[in-house]
Amino acid sequence: MTQFLVTAVNGTKARFFTLEQAELPEYESGPNLIEQKDLCNPANDLAGKDLWTNVKTGRNQGSAGQAHGYDDHRENHIGELGRRFAQTIAAEIVNLTQTHRSQRLVLVAEPQILGLLRETLGPLVPKNLQIQELAKDLCKLKPLELHEHLALKNLLPARKKVSS
């Protein structure tokens, strides 16, 4: 059983960590963030031409050669892709909290995706799961750097270093 599940998310990637105690605390520094899984947003792998017929938005050429403007609702489509990614992340959070019997979730995400995750996670997570949030993109940090940053914000316990 691991007490903490840490999820770091940006618009393109989600990384899931558990906080594991050192096997031999007298001889090893710990606790340590261990990456359990990562997910990539499949929509970000698509180029503009794969998503839309016309890469440029808001223009169309009429039969008489005159261009006219229009709204092709790309923002709505992009928003829906973000919501789908948030649903995938939420399902993985629920799965990992059950698998590892986590009691606390530290959710670190850029502000836009954090809002989507709040909406999606609300009805899915158990009532006894404590959720702490940080609206920041820390997804690209190494596990040790992420742990240090979250410990400074009092979201995780600090690592105890063993002196040699």
C-alpha atoms as a PDB file:
ATOM      1  CA  MET A   1       0.000   0.000   0.000  1.00  0.00           C
ATOM      2  CA  THR A   2       1.356   3.402  -0.964  1.00  0.00           C
ATOM      3  CA  GLN A   3      -0.146   6.410   0.703  1.00  0.00           C
ATOM      4  CA  PHE A   4       0.487   8.901  -2.132  1.00  0.00           C
ATOM      5  CA  LEU A   5      -0.370   8.851  -5.822  1.00  0.00           C
ATOM      6  CA  VAL A   6       1.138  11.780  -7.738  1.00  0.00           C
ATOM      7  CA  THR A   7      -0.170  12.695 -11.172  1.00  0.00           C
ATOM      8  CA  ALA A   8       1.671  15.291 -13.297  1.00  0.00           C
ATOM      9  CA  VAL A   9      -0.204  16.443 -16.391  1.00  0.00           C
ATOM     10  CA  ASN A  10       0.160  18.901 -19.244  1.00  0.00           C
ATOM     11  CA  GLY A  11      -1.822  19.092 -22.477  1.00  0.00           C
ATOM     12  CA  THR A  12       0.223  16.382 -24.158  1.00  0.00           C
ATOM     13  CA  LYS A  13       1.242  13.920 -21.447  1.00  0.00           C
ATOM     14  CA  ALA A  14       0.192  12.503 -18.077  1.00  0.00           C
ATOM     15  CA  ARG A  15       2.619  10.774 -15.722  1.00  0.00           C
ATOM     16  CA  PHE A  16       1.601   8.712 -12.690  1.00  0.00           C
ATOM     17  CA  PHE A  17       3.867   8.148  -9.683  1.00  0.00           C
ATOM     18  CA  THR A  18       3.623   6.419  -6.341  1.00  0.00           C
ATOM     19  CA  LEU A  19       5.652   7.426  -3.306  1.00  0.00           C
ATOM     20  CA  GLU A  20       7.521   4.317  -2.157  1.00  0.00           C
ATOM     21  CA  GLN A  21       9.499   3.894   1.045  1.00  0.00           C
ATOM     22  CA  ALA A  22      13.120   2.805   0.771  1.00  0.00           C
ATOM     23  CA  GLU A  23      13.591  -0.950   1.223  1.00  0.00           C
ATOM     24  CA  LEU A  24      16.425  -0.381   3.702  1.00  0.00           C
ATOM     25  CA  PRO A  25      15.800   3.086   5.208  1.00  0.00           C
ATOM     26  CA  GLU A  26      18.985   2.912   7.291  1.00  0.00           C
ATOM     27  CA  TYR A  27      21.084   2.646   4.121  1.00  0.00           C
ATOM     28  CA  GLU A  28      18.978   4.256   1.363  1.00  0.00           C
ATOM     29  CA  SER A  29      17.512   7.709   0.903  1.00  0.00           C
ATOM     30  CA  GLY A  30      13.763   7.802   0.649  1.00  0.00           C
ATOM     31  CA  PRO A  31      10.877   7.883   0.144  1.00  0.00           C
ATOM     32  CA  ASN A  32      11.141   7.922  -3.654  1.00  0.00           C
ATOM     33  CA  LEU A  33       8.726   8.758  -6.440  1.00  0.00           C
ATOM     34  CA  ILE A  34       8.400   5.744  -8.732  1.00  0.00           C
ATOM     35  CA  GLU A  35       6.794   6.250 -12.146  1.00  0.00           C
ATOM     36  CA  GLN A  36       4.044   3.687 -12.653  1.00  0.00           C
ATOM     37  CA  LYS A  37       2.661   4.741 -16.019  1.00  0.00           C
ATOM     38  CA  ASP A  38       2.460   7.543 -18.563  1.00  0.00           C
ATOM     39  CA  LEU A  39      -0.170   8.468 -21.128  1.00  0.00           C
ATOM     40  CA  CYS A  40       0.138  10.604 -24.240  1.00  0.00           C
ATOM     41  CA  ASN A  41      -2.695  12.673 -25.670  1.00  0.00           C
ATOM     42  CA  PRO A  42      -3.337  11.058 -29.075  1.00  0.00           C
ATOM     43  CA  ALA A  43      -4.807  14.291 -30.481  1.00  0.00           C
ATOM     44  CA  ASN A  44      -1.455  16.057 -30.140  1.00  0.00           C
ATOM     45  CA  ASP A  45       0.210  13.474 -32.369  1.00  0.00           C
ATOM     46  CA  LEU A  46      -2.029  14.510 -35.259  1.00  0.00           C
ATOM     47  CA  ALA A  47      -0.855  17.231 -37.597  1.00  0.00           C
ATOM     48  CA  GLY A  48      -3.237  20.005 -38.711  1.00  0.00           C
ATOM     49  CA  LYS A  49      -4.086  18.251 -41.985  1.00  0.00           C
ATOM     50  CA  ASP A  50      -5.021  15.083 -40.088  1.00  0.00           C
ATOM     51  CA  LEU A  51      -7.551  17.018 -37.999  1.00  0.00           C
ATOM     52  CA  TRP A  52      -8.941  19.469 -40.552  1.00  0.00           C
ATOM     53  CA  THR A  53      -9.278  19.602 -44.326  1.00  0.00           C
ATOM     54  CA  ASN A  54      -8.219  23.255 -44.417  1.00  0.00           C
ATOM     55  CA  VAL A  55      -5.297  23.992 -42.081  1.00  0.00           C
ATOM     56  CA  LYS A  56      -6.063  27.737 -41.916  1.00  0.00           C
ATOM     57  CA  THR A  57      -9.186  28.698 -40.057  1.00  0.00           C
ATOM     58  CA  GLY A  58     -11.753  31.386 -40.796  1.00  0.00           C
ATOM     59  CA  ARG A  59     -11.347  31.771 -44.569  1.00  0.00           C
ATOM     60  CA  ASN A  60     -12.992  30.292 -47.610  1.00  0.00           C
ATOM     61  CA  GLN A  61     -12.721  31.153 -51.265  1.00  0.00           C
ATOM     62  CA  GLY A  62     -16.055  31.821 -52.989  1.00  0.00           C
ATOM     63  CA  SER A  63     -16.832  30.953 -56.616  1.00  0.00           C
ATOM     64  CA  ALA A  64     -16.358  34.579 -57.699  1.00  0.00           C
ATOM     65  CA  GLY A  65     -12.846  34.650 -56.235  1.00  0.00           C
ATOM     66  CA  GLN A  66     -13.798  36.644 -53.131  1.00  0.00           C
ATOM     67  CA  ALA A  67     -12.883  35.292 -49.724  1.00  0.00           C
ATOM     68  CA  HIS A  68     -15.327  35.361 -46.855  1.00  0.00           C
ATOM     69  CA  GLY A  69     -14.832  34.659 -43.151  1.00  0.00           C
ATOM     70  CA  TYR A  70     -16.568  32.029 -41.060  1.00  0.00           C
ATOM     71  CA  ASP A  71     -16.244  30.225 -37.741  1.00  0.00           C
ATOM     72  CA  ASP A  72     -15.453  26.546 -38.185  1.00  0.00           C
ATOM     73  CA  HIS A  73     -15.723  25.832 -34.416  1.00  0.00           C
ATOM     74  CA  ARG A  74     -12.202  24.447 -34.086  1.00  0.00           C
ATOM     75  CA  GLU A  75     -11.990  25.637 -30.487  1.00  0.00           C
ATOM     76  CA  ASN A  76     -14.988  23.448 -29.606  1.00  0.00           C
ATOM     77  CA  HIS A  77     -13.311  20.464 -31.243  1.00  0.00           C
ATOM     78  CA  ILE A  78     -10.016  21.090 -29.465  1.00  0.00           C
ATOM     79  CA  GLY A  79     -11.904  21.450 -26.172  1.00  0.00           C
ATOM     80  CA  GLU A  80     -13.606  18.098 -26.737  1.00  0.00           C
ATOM     81  CA  LEU A  81     -10.245  16.432 -27.378  1.00  0.00           C
ATOM     82  CA  GLY A  82      -9.008  17.880 -24.062  1.00  0.00           C
ATOM     83  CA  ARG A  83     -12.089  16.554 -22.236  1.00  0.00           C
ATOM     84  CA  ARG A  84     -11.516  13.085 -23.684  1.00  0.00           C
ATOM     85  CA  PHE A  85      -7.891  13.142 -22.542  1.00  0.00           C
ATOM     86  CA  ALA A  86      -9.041  14.238 -19.059  1.00  0.00           C
ATOM     87  CA  GLN A  87     -11.485  11.303 -18.954  1.00  0.00           C
ATOM     88  CA  THR A  88      -8.687   8.881 -19.845  1.00  0.00           C
ATOM     89  CA  ILE A  89      -6.481  10.368 -17.103  1.00  0.00           C
ATOM     90  CA  ALA A  90      -9.303  10.200 -14.551  1.00  0.00           C
ATOM     91  CA  ALA A  91      -9.954   6.531 -15.350  1.00  0.00           C
ATOM     92  CA  GLU A  92      -6.246   5.768 -14.854  1.00  0.00           C
ATOM     93  CA  ILE A  93      -6.194   7.681 -11.539  1.00  0.00           C
ATOM     94  CA  VAL A  94      -9.147   5.635 -10.280  1.00  0.00           C
ATOM     95  CA  ASN A  95      -7.463   2.419 -11.429  1.00  0.00           C
ATOM     96  CA  LEU A  96      -4.137   3.263  -9.752  1.00  0.00           C
ATOM     97  CA  THR A  97      -5.717   4.459  -6.480  1.00  0.00           C
ATOM     98  CA  GLN A  98      -7.553   1.142  -6.253  1.00  0.00           C
ATOM     99  CA  THR A  99      -4.534  -0.940  -7.263  1.00  0.00           C
ATOM    100  CA  HIS A 100      -2.158   0.777  -4.818  1.00  0.00           C
ATOM    101  CA  ARG A 101      -4.878   1.589  -2.237  1.00  0.00           C
ATOM    102  CA  SER A 102      -3.689   5.202  -2.196  1.00  0.00           C
ATOM    103  CA  GLN A 103      -5.172   7.544   0.374  1.00  0.00           C
ATOM    104  CA  ARG A 104      -3.914  10.818  -1.113  1.00  0.00           C
ATOM    105  CA  LEU A 105      -3.788  12.138  -4.646  1.00  0.00           C
ATOM    106  CA  VAL A 106      -1.440  14.980  -5.507  1.00  0.00           C
ATOM    107  CA  LEU A 107      -2.677  16.382  -8.804  1.00  0.00           C
ATOM    108  CA  VAL A 108      -0.171  18.643 -10.571  1.00  0.00           C
ATOM    109  CA  ALA A 109      -1.429  20.013 -13.869  1.00  0.00           C
ATOM    110  CA  GLU A 110      -1.392  23.088 -16.048  1.00  0.00           C
ATOM    111  CA  PRO A 111      -4.456  25.215 -15.175  1.00  0.00           C
ATOM    112  CA  GLN A 112      -6.622  24.427 -18.201  1.00  0.00           C
ATOM    113  CA  ILE A 113      -6.367  20.644 -17.918  1.00  0.00           C
ATOM    114  CA  LEU A 114      -6.658  20.885 -14.111  1.00  0.00           C
ATOM    115  CA  GLY A 115     -10.139  22.372 -14.524  1.00  0.00           C
ATOM    116  CA  LEU A 116     -11.148  19.550 -16.856  1.00  0.00           C
ATOM    117  CA  LEU A 117      -9.774  16.977 -14.425  1.00  0.00           C
ATOM    118  CA  ARG A 118     -11.728  18.471 -11.502  1.00  0.00           C
ATOM    119  CA  GLU A 119     -14.974  18.097 -13.454  1.00  0.00           C
ATOM    120  CA  THR A 120     -14.160  14.564 -14.552  1.00  0.00           C
ATOM    121  CA  LEU A 121     -12.726  13.229 -11.276  1.00  0.00           C
ATOM    122  CA  GLY A 122     -15.461  14.525  -8.976  1.00  0.00           C
ATOM    123  CA  PRO A 123     -17.974  11.685  -9.350  1.00  0.00           C
ATOM    124  CA  LEU A 124     -15.346   8.944  -9.896  1.00  0.00           C
ATOM    125  CA  VAL A 125     -12.998   9.110  -6.900  1.00  0.00           C
ATOM    126  CA  PRO A 126     -13.840   7.565  -3.536  1.00  0.00           C
ATOM    127  CA  LYS A 127     -14.935   9.964  -0.793  1.00  0.00           C
ATOM    128  CA  ASN A 128     -12.024   9.007   1.481  1.00  0.00           C
ATOM    129  CA  LEU A 129      -9.374   9.986  -1.112  1.00  0.00           C
ATOM    130  CA  GLN A 130      -7.744  13.279  -0.170  1.00  0.00           C
ATOM    131  CA  ILE A 131      -6.936  15.399  -3.216  1.00  0.00           C
ATOM    132  CA  GLN A 132      -4.325  18.148  -3.204  1.00  0.00           C
ATOM    133  CA  GLU A 133      -3.814  20.275  -6.304  1.00  0.00           C
ATOM    134  CA  LEU A 134      -1.058  22.398  -7.772  1.00  0.00           C
ATOM    135  CA  ALA A 135      -1.816  24.385 -10.937  1.00  0.00           C
ATOM    136  CA  LYS A 136       1.565  24.182 -12.617  1.00  0.00           C
ATOM    137  CA  ASP A 137       3.138  22.259 -15.492  1.00  0.00           C
ATOM    138  CA  LEU A 138       5.783  20.043 -13.889  1.00  0.00           C
ATOM    139  CA  CYS A 139       5.288  17.085 -16.201  1.00  0.00           C
ATOM    140  CA  LYS A 140       8.768  17.304 -17.734  1.00  0.00           C
ATOM    141  CA  LEU A 141      10.638  17.132 -14.416  1.00  0.00           C
ATOM    142  CA  LYS A 142      12.567  14.061 -13.387  1.00  0.00           C
ATOM    143  CA  PRO A 143      11.034  12.135 -10.464  1.00  0.00           C
ATOM    144  CA  LEU A 144      13.596  13.424  -7.958  1.00  0.00           C
ATOM    145  CA  GLU A 145      13.116  17.053  -9.103  1.00  0.00           C
ATOM    146  CA  LEU A 146       9.341  16.654  -8.944  1.00  0.00           C
ATOM    147  CA  HIS A 147       9.576  15.199  -5.437  1.00  0.00           C
ATOM    148  CA  GLU A 148      11.771  18.070  -4.238  1.00  0.00           C
ATOM    149  CA  HIS A 149       9.406  20.665  -5.724  1.00  0.00           C
ATOM    150  CA  LEU A 150       6.324  19.069  -4.153  1.00  0.00           C
ATOM    151  CA  ALA A 151       8.080  18.665  -0.799  1.00  0.00           C
ATOM    152  CA  LEU A 152       8.886  22.405  -0.795  1.00  0.00           C
ATOM    153  CA  LYS A 153       5.154  23.076  -1.302  1.00  0.00           C
ATOM    154  CA  ASN A 154       4.354  20.668   1.592  1.00  0.00           C
ATOM    155  CA  LEU A 155       2.428  18.358  -0.730  1.00  0.00           C
ATOM    156  CA  LEU A 156       4.765  15.379  -0.133  1.00  0.00           C
ATOM    157  CA  PRO A 157       7.007  14.392   2.759  1.00  0.00           C
ATOM    158  CA  ALA A 158      10.625  15.389   2.211  1.00  0.00           C
ATOM    159  CA  ARG A 159      13.195  12.768   1.298  1.00  0.00           C
ATOM    160  CA  LYS A 160      15.479  11.699   4.115  1.00  0.00           C
ATOM    161  CA  LYS A 161      19.029  11.456   2.882  1.00  0.00           C
ATOM    162  CA  VAL A 162      21.341   8.844   4.332  1.00  0.00           C
ATOM    163  CA  SER A 163      24.823  10.152   4.989  1.00  0.00           C
ATOM    164  CA  SER A 164      27.656   7.864   4.053  1.00  0.00           C
END
